[in-house]
Amino acid sequence: MSSSKTPGDTQKFIKAVADHKGWILNRDSEYIEFLVNGLTVNHERYGFYQCPCRDSYGDKVKDKDIHCPCEYAAADIQEYGQCFCGLFLDADYYSSHEDVDGIPERRPDELFPD
């Protein structure tokens, strides 16, 4: 299993992802804290940053599509301005000050645990 991560490590990780991808983090600091804590807990459980907003197998290979940022994030952000969990936003959506809202799930049913 990978090394232990703190919420501070996770915060640095999501900031680095956002900077690298040209995305912006959700402005709601309480929501970010909730997601950071979920990602950190999942890293401790599974050894990788698995999206805290989705059910998983807890298996790095079976869940490879939902490692943060999930493989659906770019398409979600392009179409809806936000990723599924609302962690990452595009600049236009962020500037609109609209609340992050639920978007359709792109993950195919066959990839969900039973």
Protein backbone atom coordinates (compact mmCIF):
# COMPACT_ATOMS: atom_id res chain seq x y z
CA MET A 1 0.00 0.00 0.00
CA SER A 2 1.11 3.58 -0.63
CA SER A 3 2.38 5.93 2.02
CA SER A 4 -0.01 7.58 4.44
CA LYS A 5 -1.59 10.90 3.42
CA THR A 6 -2.81 13.79 5.53
CA PRO A 7 -5.61 16.18 4.58
CA GLY A 8 -2.85 18.71 3.85
CA ASP A 9 -1.25 16.29 1.39
CA THR A 10 -4.63 15.76 -0.25
CA GLN A 11 -5.25 19.52 -0.47
CA LYS A 12 -1.90 19.92 -2.23
CA PHE A 13 -2.79 17.05 -4.58
CA ILE A 14 -6.15 18.49 -5.65
CA LYS A 15 -4.61 21.95 -6.08
CA ALA A 16 -1.85 20.48 -8.27
CA VAL A 17 -4.42 18.59 -10.36
CA ALA A 18 -6.51 21.73 -10.83
CA ASP A 19 -3.46 23.80 -11.80
CA HIS A 20 -2.22 21.13 -14.21
CA LYS A 21 -5.61 20.67 -15.91
CA GLY A 22 -6.54 24.36 -15.96
CA TRP A 23 -9.49 23.74 -13.65
CA ILE A 24 -10.59 25.70 -10.58
CA LEU A 25 -11.50 24.25 -7.20
CA ASN A 26 -15.00 24.71 -5.88
CA ARG A 27 -15.21 27.93 -3.85
CA ASP A 28 -17.17 26.32 -0.99
CA SER A 29 -14.45 25.71 1.60
CA GLU A 30 -16.65 23.46 3.77
CA TYR A 31 -17.48 21.29 0.78
CA ILE A 32 -13.81 21.14 -0.23
CA GLU A 33 -12.94 20.07 3.32
CA PHE A 34 -15.58 17.31 3.11
CA LEU A 35 -14.15 16.04 -0.19
CA VAL A 36 -10.54 16.33 1.00
CA ASN A 37 -11.41 14.29 4.09
CA GLY A 38 -13.18 11.67 1.95
CA LEU A 39 -10.25 11.42 -0.44
CA THR A 40 -7.82 11.15 2.46
CA VAL A 41 -9.87 8.41 4.14
CA ASN A 42 -10.08 6.52 0.86
CA HIS A 43 -6.33 6.82 0.37
CA GLU A 44 -5.81 5.38 3.84
CA ARG A 45 -8.27 2.54 3.12
CA TYR A 46 -7.31 1.67 -0.43
CA GLY A 47 -3.90 3.23 -1.09
CA PHE A 48 -5.17 5.61 -3.78
CA TYR A 49 -7.34 8.71 -4.06
CA GLN A 50 -10.66 7.16 -4.98
CA CYS A 51 -13.57 9.51 -5.59
CA PRO A 52 -15.51 9.78 -2.33
CA CYS A 53 -18.75 10.37 -4.23
CA ARG A 54 -18.92 6.93 -5.80
CA ASP A 55 -19.29 3.35 -4.61
CA SER A 56 -16.20 1.30 -5.24
CA TYR A 57 -14.71 -2.13 -4.95
CA GLY A 58 -11.76 -0.71 -3.00
CA ASP A 59 -9.54 -2.32 -5.60
CA LYS A 60 -7.01 -0.20 -7.47
CA VAL A 61 -7.51 -2.05 -10.77
CA LYS A 62 -11.30 -2.38 -10.70
CA ASP A 63 -11.67 1.25 -9.63
CA LYS A 64 -9.05 2.73 -11.95
CA ASP A 65 -11.71 4.82 -13.70
CA ILE A 66 -12.60 6.62 -10.46
CA HIS A 67 -9.13 7.52 -9.19
CA CYS A 68 -9.18 11.27 -8.62
CA PRO A 69 -9.45 12.95 -11.00
CA CYS A 70 -11.73 10.31 -12.45
CA GLU A 71 -11.58 9.50 -16.13
CA TYR A 72 -14.99 11.16 -16.58
CA ALA A 73 -13.97 14.53 -15.12
CA ALA A 74 -12.76 16.21 -18.31
CA ALA A 75 -15.93 15.34 -20.24
CA ASP A 76 -18.13 16.38 -17.32
CA ILE A 77 -16.34 19.69 -16.95
CA GLN A 78 -16.51 20.34 -20.68
CA GLU A 79 -20.25 19.58 -20.82
CA TYR A 80 -21.49 20.74 -17.41
CA GLY A 81 -18.74 23.04 -16.11
CA GLN A 82 -18.06 20.75 -13.13
CA CYS A 83 -16.94 17.22 -12.40
CA PHE A 84 -19.36 14.67 -10.93
CA CYS A 85 -18.57 15.47 -7.30
CA GLY A 86 -18.24 19.22 -7.91
CA LEU A 87 -14.62 19.41 -6.79
CA PHE A 88 -13.24 20.73 -10.08
CA LEU A 89 -14.87 23.48 -12.17
CA ASP A 90 -14.10 25.25 -15.41
CA ALA A 91 -13.42 28.99 -15.30
CA ASP A 92 -16.76 30.00 -16.85
CA TYR A 93 -18.78 27.96 -14.39
CA TYR A 94 -16.72 29.29 -11.49
CA SER A 95 -17.22 32.87 -12.71
CA SER A 96 -20.97 32.37 -13.03
CA HIS A 97 -21.25 31.86 -9.23
CA GLU A 98 -23.86 29.16 -9.88
CA ASP A 99 -24.19 26.54 -7.18
CA VAL A 100 -22.62 23.21 -7.98
CA ASP A 101 -25.42 20.79 -8.70
CA GLY A 102 -25.77 17.12 -9.47
CA ILE A 103 -24.96 15.98 -12.98
CA PRO A 104 -25.66 12.68 -14.74
CA GLU A 105 -23.42 9.73 -13.92
CA ARG A 106 -21.15 8.72 -16.82
CA ARG A 107 -19.71 5.64 -15.17
CA PRO A 108 -21.20 2.58 -16.90
CA ASP A 109 -23.43 0.38 -14.72
CA GLU A 110 -21.18 -2.64 -15.25
CA LEU A 111 -18.35 -0.85 -13.40
CA PHE A 112 -20.36 -0.40 -10.21
CA PRO A 113 -20.01 -2.95 -7.40
CA ASP A 114 -23.01 -5.22 -6.89
